[in-house]
Amino acid sequence: MKAADIKAMIEAGLPDADVEVFGEDGQHFDARVFSPSFSGKSLIEQHRAVKATLGDSFTSGAVHALSLKTGVSR
């Protein structure tokens, strides 16, 4: 899995989001996701929304670790 793949998956699931994903080893990634759809949601709800866009990437082992920074705006 590449950072660009994760970025595309998040953008497909959260089309209004501003997304940046970093990670060069193919298993450990850092993502910054900012979306108006996060308004009124707790940090945990925001993270769950992002992880939901990745489907089974965690359970299949394609992504080992994902660090998230989320919010409504930068």
C-alpha atoms as a PDB file:
ATOM      1  CA  MET A   1       0.000   0.000   0.000  1.00  0.00           C
ATOM      2  CA  LYS A   2       1.258   3.471  -0.856  1.00  0.00           C
ATOM      3  CA  ALA A   3       0.425   6.823   0.711  1.00  0.00           C
ATOM      4  CA  ALA A   4      -1.286   7.844  -2.550  1.00  0.00           C
ATOM      5  CA  ASP A   5      -3.583   4.787  -2.311  1.00  0.00           C
ATOM      6  CA  ILE A   6      -4.673   5.712   1.204  1.00  0.00           C
ATOM      7  CA  LYS A   7      -5.190   9.346   0.165  1.00  0.00           C
ATOM      8  CA  ALA A   8      -7.416   8.231  -2.726  1.00  0.00           C
ATOM      9  CA  MET A   9      -9.474   5.956  -0.460  1.00  0.00           C
ATOM     10  CA  ILE A  10     -10.036   8.716   2.104  1.00  0.00           C
ATOM     11  CA  GLU A  11     -10.944  11.240  -0.596  1.00  0.00           C
ATOM     12  CA  ALA A  12     -13.412   8.775  -2.142  1.00  0.00           C
ATOM     13  CA  GLY A  13     -15.120   8.249   1.211  1.00  0.00           C
ATOM     14  CA  LEU A  14     -14.956  11.893   2.325  1.00  0.00           C
ATOM     15  CA  PRO A  15     -15.179  13.870  -0.929  1.00  0.00           C
ATOM     16  CA  ASP A  16     -15.234  17.263   0.817  1.00  0.00           C
ATOM     17  CA  ALA A  17     -12.023  16.551   2.754  1.00  0.00           C
ATOM     18  CA  ASP A  18      -8.600  18.117   2.407  1.00  0.00           C
ATOM     19  CA  VAL A  19      -6.271  15.102   2.727  1.00  0.00           C
ATOM     20  CA  GLU A  20      -2.513  14.665   3.084  1.00  0.00           C
ATOM     21  CA  VAL A  21      -0.913  11.265   3.690  1.00  0.00           C
ATOM     22  CA  PHE A  22       2.742  10.569   4.386  1.00  0.00           C
ATOM     23  CA  GLY A  23       4.608   7.279   4.727  1.00  0.00           C
ATOM     24  CA  GLU A  24       7.355   5.661   2.730  1.00  0.00           C
ATOM     25  CA  ASP A  25       7.639   2.148   4.160  1.00  0.00           C
ATOM     26  CA  GLY A  26       4.287   0.877   2.908  1.00  0.00           C
ATOM     27  CA  GLN A  27       2.892   0.035   6.354  1.00  0.00           C
ATOM     28  CA  HIS A  28       3.186   3.082   8.639  1.00  0.00           C
ATOM     29  CA  PHE A  29       1.375   6.261   7.639  1.00  0.00           C
ATOM     30  CA  ASP A  30       0.533   9.726   8.931  1.00  0.00           C
ATOM     31  CA  ALA A  31      -2.654  11.353   7.630  1.00  0.00           C
ATOM     32  CA  ARG A  32      -4.048  14.829   8.026  1.00  0.00           C
ATOM     33  CA  VAL A  33      -7.723  14.994   7.171  1.00  0.00           C
ATOM     34  CA  PHE A  34      -9.803  18.152   7.434  1.00  0.00           C
ATOM     35  CA  SER A  35     -13.465  18.102   6.461  1.00  0.00           C
ATOM     36  CA  PRO A  36     -16.536  20.282   7.007  1.00  0.00           C
ATOM     37  CA  SER A  37     -18.424  17.008   7.588  1.00  0.00           C
ATOM     38  CA  PHE A  38     -16.553  16.677  10.902  1.00  0.00           C
ATOM     39  CA  SER A  39     -18.428  19.664  12.321  1.00  0.00           C
ATOM     40  CA  GLY A  40     -20.052  18.722  15.626  1.00  0.00           C
ATOM     41  CA  LYS A  41     -18.274  15.344  15.767  1.00  0.00           C
ATOM     42  CA  SER A  42     -15.919  14.288  18.530  1.00  0.00           C
ATOM     43  CA  LEU A  43     -12.310  13.453  17.727  1.00  0.00           C
ATOM     44  CA  ILE A  44     -13.099   9.742  18.058  1.00  0.00           C
ATOM     45  CA  GLU A  45     -16.029  10.073  15.622  1.00  0.00           C
ATOM     46  CA  GLN A  46     -13.771  11.904  13.159  1.00  0.00           C
ATOM     47  CA  HIS A  47     -11.140   9.161  13.368  1.00  0.00           C
ATOM     48  CA  ARG A  48     -13.761   6.440  12.948  1.00  0.00           C
ATOM     49  CA  ALA A  49     -15.086   8.211   9.846  1.00  0.00           C
ATOM     50  CA  VAL A  50     -11.598   8.260   8.319  1.00  0.00           C
ATOM     51  CA  LYS A  51     -10.871   4.632   9.214  1.00  0.00           C
ATOM     52  CA  ALA A  52     -14.230   3.590   7.719  1.00  0.00           C
ATOM     53  CA  THR A  53     -13.040   4.879   4.325  1.00  0.00           C
ATOM     54  CA  LEU A  54     -10.158   2.392   4.415  1.00  0.00           C
ATOM     55  CA  GLY A  55     -12.351  -0.710   4.514  1.00  0.00           C
ATOM     56  CA  ASP A  56     -10.458  -3.818   5.578  1.00  0.00           C
ATOM     57  CA  SER A  57      -6.994  -2.347   5.065  1.00  0.00           C
ATOM     58  CA  PHE A  58      -6.222  -2.763   8.777  1.00  0.00           C
ATOM     59  CA  THR A  59      -7.600  -6.274   9.233  1.00  0.00           C
ATOM     60  CA  SER A  60      -5.935  -7.500   6.037  1.00  0.00           C
ATOM     61  CA  GLY A  61      -2.552  -6.163   7.178  1.00  0.00           C
ATOM     62  CA  ALA A  62      -2.178  -3.781   4.229  1.00  0.00           C
ATOM     63  CA  VAL A  63      -1.846  -0.919   6.721  1.00  0.00           C
ATOM     64  CA  HIS A  64      -0.069  -1.627   9.988  1.00  0.00           C
ATOM     65  CA  ALA A  65      -0.270   1.823  11.582  1.00  0.00           C
ATOM     66  CA  LEU A  66      -2.033   5.067  10.785  1.00  0.00           C
ATOM     67  CA  SER A  67      -1.530   8.236  12.805  1.00  0.00           C
ATOM     68  CA  LEU A  68      -4.400  10.705  12.289  1.00  0.00           C
ATOM     69  CA  LYS A  69      -4.790  14.421  12.704  1.00  0.00           C
ATOM     70  CA  THR A  70      -8.356  15.483  11.927  1.00  0.00           C
ATOM     71  CA  GLY A  71     -10.498  18.580  12.185  1.00  0.00           C
ATOM     72  CA  VAL A  72     -13.042  20.789  10.491  1.00  0.00           C
ATOM     73  CA  SER A  73     -10.374  23.133   9.122  1.00  0.00           C
ATOM     74  CA  ARG A  74      -6.643  23.616   9.320  1.00  0.00           C
END
